Amino acid sequence: MKKIALALSLLSGVVFAQEAKTQSLDPCGSPKEVYSKYLLDKCYEGYFKAIMESKKNAEEALRIANEANRKVGDLEKRVGALEKISEDHERRIKALEGRKPEVRPQLEVRAREWRAEEVGTIYFDSNSFNLKRSEAKKLDELASRLKDAEGEILVVGFTDKRGSSKYNFNLSMWRAQMVASHLVHKGVDVGKIRITSYGKEMADLLGKKYSEQRVVKIFVIR
């Protein structure tokens, strides 16, 4: 009797196992009686990993969303600051447009008319800037008149046409400086004296003779 019951039990188990083979082999969807605890643990481990991966993805998505919101907030702040600056400029422009133009009295400006008066001519020997005794005496008399003269005193040096331009320019400047120094020595205010020179380029305007070209001319500018 016992042997018959055992045979029937084994026979029913074989039939049930054959039916289970025809079903899905997914441990999570199969009866616990058929599969081992190891297979069930693998099933639950897969579930756990899927849940953790989903959580991780969700946290990353939330982080990205928060970062995007922060950047949008910063951009909105910048836009707001620019709008305030623009509004401030508009207010200033409107204020300037509303101002009435300041009317200033027109001043009549007239060009000053300069007048040059030649007051003396000092002659020099050829290739020399030393004052001759006769010319120094003329300068003494002229200095007494120029002490109280109004305006500026212009001392201009010249040379004759012989020699190079560079040498004659220097020579004419030395002659003008010699005359100006003598005037200052005789009491003429140095702040009123101006010196210039033209070398030999203006010689023909002074005369045809060399002696007429080796001069220093003195002017009073008013």
Protein backbone atom coordinates (compact mmCIF):
# COMPACT_ATOMS: atom_id res chain seq x y z
CA MET A 1 0.00 0.00 0.00
CA LYS A 2 2.81 2.36 0.93
CA LYS A 3 4.64 1.48 -2.29
CA ILE A 4 1.58 2.38 -4.34
CA ALA A 5 1.23 5.81 -2.61
CA LEU A 6 4.95 6.59 -3.18
CA ALA A 7 4.68 5.66 -6.84
CA LEU A 8 1.67 7.89 -7.30
CA SER A 9 3.44 10.78 -5.57
CA LEU A 10 6.52 10.50 -7.76
CA LEU A 11 4.35 10.19 -10.85
CA SER A 12 2.42 13.38 -10.00
CA GLY A 13 5.69 15.28 -9.41
CA VAL A 14 7.07 14.25 -12.78
CA VAL A 15 3.88 15.38 -14.52
CA PHE A 16 3.92 18.73 -12.69
CA ALA A 17 7.58 19.28 -13.62
CA GLN A 18 6.87 18.52 -17.27
CA GLU A 19 4.04 21.08 -17.25
CA ALA A 20 6.37 23.66 -15.63
CA LYS A 21 8.93 23.25 -18.41
CA THR A 22 6.39 24.42 -20.95
CA GLN A 23 5.93 27.70 -18.96
CA SER A 24 8.24 30.79 -18.88
CA LEU A 25 11.63 30.28 -17.20
CA ASP A 26 11.43 33.70 -15.45
CA PRO A 27 12.01 32.92 -11.77
CA CYS A 28 9.98 35.93 -10.68
CA GLY A 29 6.92 34.76 -12.54
CA SER A 30 7.17 31.01 -11.67
CA PRO A 31 5.89 29.08 -8.65
CA LYS A 32 8.26 29.14 -5.71
CA GLU A 33 7.94 25.40 -5.27
CA VAL A 34 9.73 24.69 -8.54
CA TYR A 35 12.75 27.09 -8.36
CA SER A 36 15.39 27.36 -5.75
CA LYS A 37 16.04 30.22 -3.33
CA TYR A 38 19.15 31.12 -5.38
CA LEU A 39 17.04 31.86 -8.45
CA LEU A 40 14.60 33.92 -6.42
CA ASP A 41 17.47 35.96 -4.92
CA LYS A 42 18.74 36.69 -8.43
CA CYS A 43 15.27 37.85 -9.37
CA TYR A 44 15.03 40.21 -6.39
CA GLU A 45 18.59 41.42 -7.00
CA GLY A 46 17.60 42.41 -10.55
CA TYR A 47 14.59 44.27 -9.23
CA PHE A 48 16.78 46.10 -6.69
CA LYS A 49 19.34 47.13 -9.31
CA ALA A 50 16.59 48.38 -11.62
CA ILE A 51 15.08 50.42 -8.79
CA MET A 52 18.47 51.90 -7.82
CA GLU A 53 19.29 52.75 -11.46
CA SER A 54 15.93 54.46 -11.85
CA LYS A 55 16.57 56.41 -8.64
CA LYS A 56 20.01 57.43 -9.86
CA ASN A 57 18.61 58.58 -13.21
CA ALA A 58 15.89 60.50 -11.44
CA GLU A 59 18.40 62.28 -9.18
CA GLU A 60 20.59 63.17 -12.18
CA ALA A 61 17.57 64.52 -14.04
CA LEU A 62 16.63 66.58 -10.96
CA ARG A 63 20.19 67.93 -10.70
CA ILE A 64 20.18 68.95 -14.37
CA ALA A 65 16.79 70.59 -13.94
CA ASN A 66 17.97 72.53 -10.87
CA GLU A 67 21.12 73.67 -12.70
CA ALA A 68 19.02 74.80 -15.64
CA ASN A 69 16.70 76.70 -13.28
CA ARG A 70 19.70 78.37 -11.63
CA LYS A 71 21.08 79.49 -14.99
CA VAL A 72 17.68 80.77 -16.03
CA GLY A 73 17.50 82.71 -12.75
CA ASP A 74 20.92 84.29 -13.34
CA LEU A 75 19.94 85.20 -16.88
CA GLU A 76 16.73 86.80 -15.66
CA LYS A 77 18.72 88.85 -13.14
CA ARG A 78 21.08 90.07 -15.87
CA VAL A 79 18.21 90.93 -18.15
CA GLY A 80 16.56 92.82 -15.31
CA ALA A 81 19.76 94.79 -14.64
CA LEU A 82 20.10 95.68 -18.32
CA GLU A 83 16.48 96.78 -18.43
CA LYS A 84 17.09 99.09 -15.46
CA ILE A 85 20.15 100.59 -17.18
CA SER A 86 18.15 101.08 -20.38
CA GLU A 87 15.33 102.76 -18.47
CA ASP A 88 17.83 105.04 -16.71
CA HIS A 89 19.34 106.07 -20.06
CA GLU A 90 15.88 106.77 -21.45
CA ARG A 91 15.07 109.00 -18.46
CA ARG A 92 18.32 110.92 -18.96
CA ILE A 93 17.66 111.35 -22.67
CA LYS A 94 14.15 112.63 -21.99
CA ALA A 95 15.53 115.01 -19.35
CA LEU A 96 18.11 116.35 -21.82
CA GLU A 97 15.49 116.71 -24.53
CA GLY A 98 13.31 118.67 -22.15
CA ARG A 99 16.03 121.16 -21.27
CA LYS A 100 15.89 124.51 -22.91
CA PRO A 101 19.04 125.50 -24.76
CA GLU A 102 21.18 127.96 -22.89
CA VAL A 103 21.41 131.22 -24.75
CA ARG A 104 24.84 132.76 -24.42
CA PRO A 105 25.63 136.26 -25.50
CA GLN A 106 27.58 136.35 -28.71
CA LEU A 107 30.95 137.97 -28.41
CA GLU A 108 32.35 139.85 -31.32
CA VAL A 109 35.93 138.76 -31.88
CA ARG A 110 38.09 140.95 -33.98
CA ALA A 111 41.45 139.94 -35.35
CA ARG A 112 44.24 141.98 -33.87
CA GLU A 113 46.02 144.12 -36.39
CA TRP A 114 49.78 143.99 -35.91
CA ARG A 115 51.94 146.85 -37.00
CA ALA A 116 55.72 146.60 -37.36
CA GLU A 117 57.81 149.76 -37.24
CA GLU A 118 61.45 149.58 -38.28
CA VAL A 119 63.49 151.58 -35.77
CA GLY A 120 67.11 150.78 -36.65
CA THR A 121 69.65 148.95 -38.86
CA ILE A 122 73.05 147.71 -37.65
CA TYR A 123 75.77 146.85 -40.21
CA PHE A 124 78.49 144.19 -39.93
CA ASP A 125 81.77 143.42 -41.61
CA SER A 126 82.10 140.40 -43.91
CA ASN A 127 82.18 137.04 -42.12
CA SER A 128 81.86 138.71 -38.70
CA PHE A 129 79.25 139.12 -35.96
CA ASN A 130 81.25 141.55 -33.82
CA LEU A 131 79.77 145.01 -33.28
CA LYS A 132 81.74 147.82 -34.83
CA ARG A 133 82.32 150.84 -32.61
CA SER A 134 80.17 153.11 -34.77
CA GLU A 135 77.28 150.57 -34.75
CA ALA A 136 77.55 150.06 -30.99
CA LYS A 137 77.09 153.80 -30.50
CA LYS A 138 73.95 153.68 -32.66
CA LEU A 139 72.64 150.84 -30.48
CA ASP A 140 73.26 152.85 -27.30
CA GLU A 141 71.10 155.70 -28.62
CA LEU A 142 68.45 153.22 -29.81
CA ALA A 143 68.35 151.41 -26.45
CA SER A 144 67.45 154.62 -24.63
CA ARG A 145 64.38 154.94 -26.86
CA LEU A 146 63.37 151.27 -26.63
CA LYS A 147 63.37 151.11 -22.83
CA ASP A 148 59.92 152.66 -22.64
CA ALA A 149 58.60 151.45 -26.01
CA GLU A 150 55.22 149.68 -25.97
CA GLY A 151 54.98 146.33 -27.73
CA GLU A 152 57.64 143.75 -28.54
CA ILE A 153 61.06 144.33 -30.04
CA LEU A 154 61.96 142.08 -32.97
CA VAL A 155 65.65 141.66 -33.86
CA VAL A 156 66.24 140.05 -37.30
CA GLY A 157 69.63 138.96 -38.64
CA PHE A 158 70.74 138.73 -42.33
CA THR A 159 73.87 137.96 -44.34
CA ASP A 160 75.06 138.53 -47.88
CA LYS A 161 74.65 135.90 -50.60
CA ARG A 162 78.15 134.41 -50.43
CA GLY A 163 78.79 131.09 -48.70
CA SER A 164 76.57 128.11 -47.81
CA SER A 165 73.03 128.46 -46.50
CA LYS A 166 73.82 126.64 -43.26
CA TYR A 167 76.82 128.82 -42.40
CA ASN A 168 75.03 132.05 -43.30
CA PHE A 169 71.98 131.11 -41.26
CA ASN A 170 74.14 130.58 -38.18
CA LEU A 171 76.03 133.80 -38.87
CA SER A 172 72.80 135.81 -39.17
CA MET A 173 71.56 134.32 -35.86
CA TRP A 174 74.83 135.21 -34.10
CA ARG A 175 74.54 138.79 -35.36
CA ALA A 176 70.93 139.05 -34.09
CA GLN A 177 71.97 137.63 -30.70
CA MET A 178 74.85 140.12 -30.45
CA VAL A 179 72.51 143.05 -31.06
CA ALA A 180 69.88 141.74 -28.60
CA SER A 181 72.52 141.20 -25.90
CA HIS A 182 73.79 144.76 -26.31
CA LEU A 183 70.25 146.15 -25.97
CA VAL A 184 69.64 144.13 -22.79
CA HIS A 185 73.00 145.31 -21.43
CA LYS A 186 71.83 148.87 -22.00
CA GLY A 187 68.59 148.38 -20.05
CA VAL A 188 66.00 147.07 -22.51
CA ASP A 189 63.66 144.49 -20.96
CA VAL A 190 64.77 141.03 -22.15
CA GLY A 191 61.17 139.75 -21.93
CA LYS A 192 60.16 142.14 -24.74
CA ILE A 193 62.88 141.04 -27.20
CA ARG A 194 62.29 138.37 -29.87
CA ILE A 195 65.10 137.09 -32.14
CA THR A 196 64.99 135.52 -35.60
CA SER A 197 67.26 135.17 -38.63
CA TYR A 198 66.98 134.57 -42.38
CA GLY A 199 70.55 133.95 -43.53
CA LYS A 200 71.23 134.79 -47.17
CA GLU A 201 67.80 133.82 -48.59
CA MET A 202 66.42 137.36 -48.11
CA ALA A 203 69.60 139.16 -49.18
CA ASP A 204 68.28 140.47 -52.49
CA LEU A 205 65.46 142.27 -50.69
CA LEU A 206 67.95 144.30 -48.68
CA GLY A 207 70.02 145.66 -51.53
CA LYS A 208 72.38 144.73 -54.35
CA LYS A 209 75.62 145.43 -52.46
CA TYR A 210 77.03 142.93 -50.03
CA SER A 211 77.51 145.65 -47.45
CA GLU A 212 73.77 146.36 -47.56
CA GLN A 213 72.97 142.68 -46.95
CA ARG A 214 75.16 142.14 -43.86
CA VAL A 215 72.76 143.74 -41.37
CA VAL A 216 70.53 143.29 -38.38
CA LYS A 217 67.22 145.12 -38.52
CA ILE A 218 65.28 146.11 -35.40
CA PHE A 219 61.47 146.46 -35.34
CA VAL A 220 58.89 147.45 -32.75
CA ILE A 221 55.73 145.31 -33.02
CA ARG A 222 52.53 146.91 -31.73
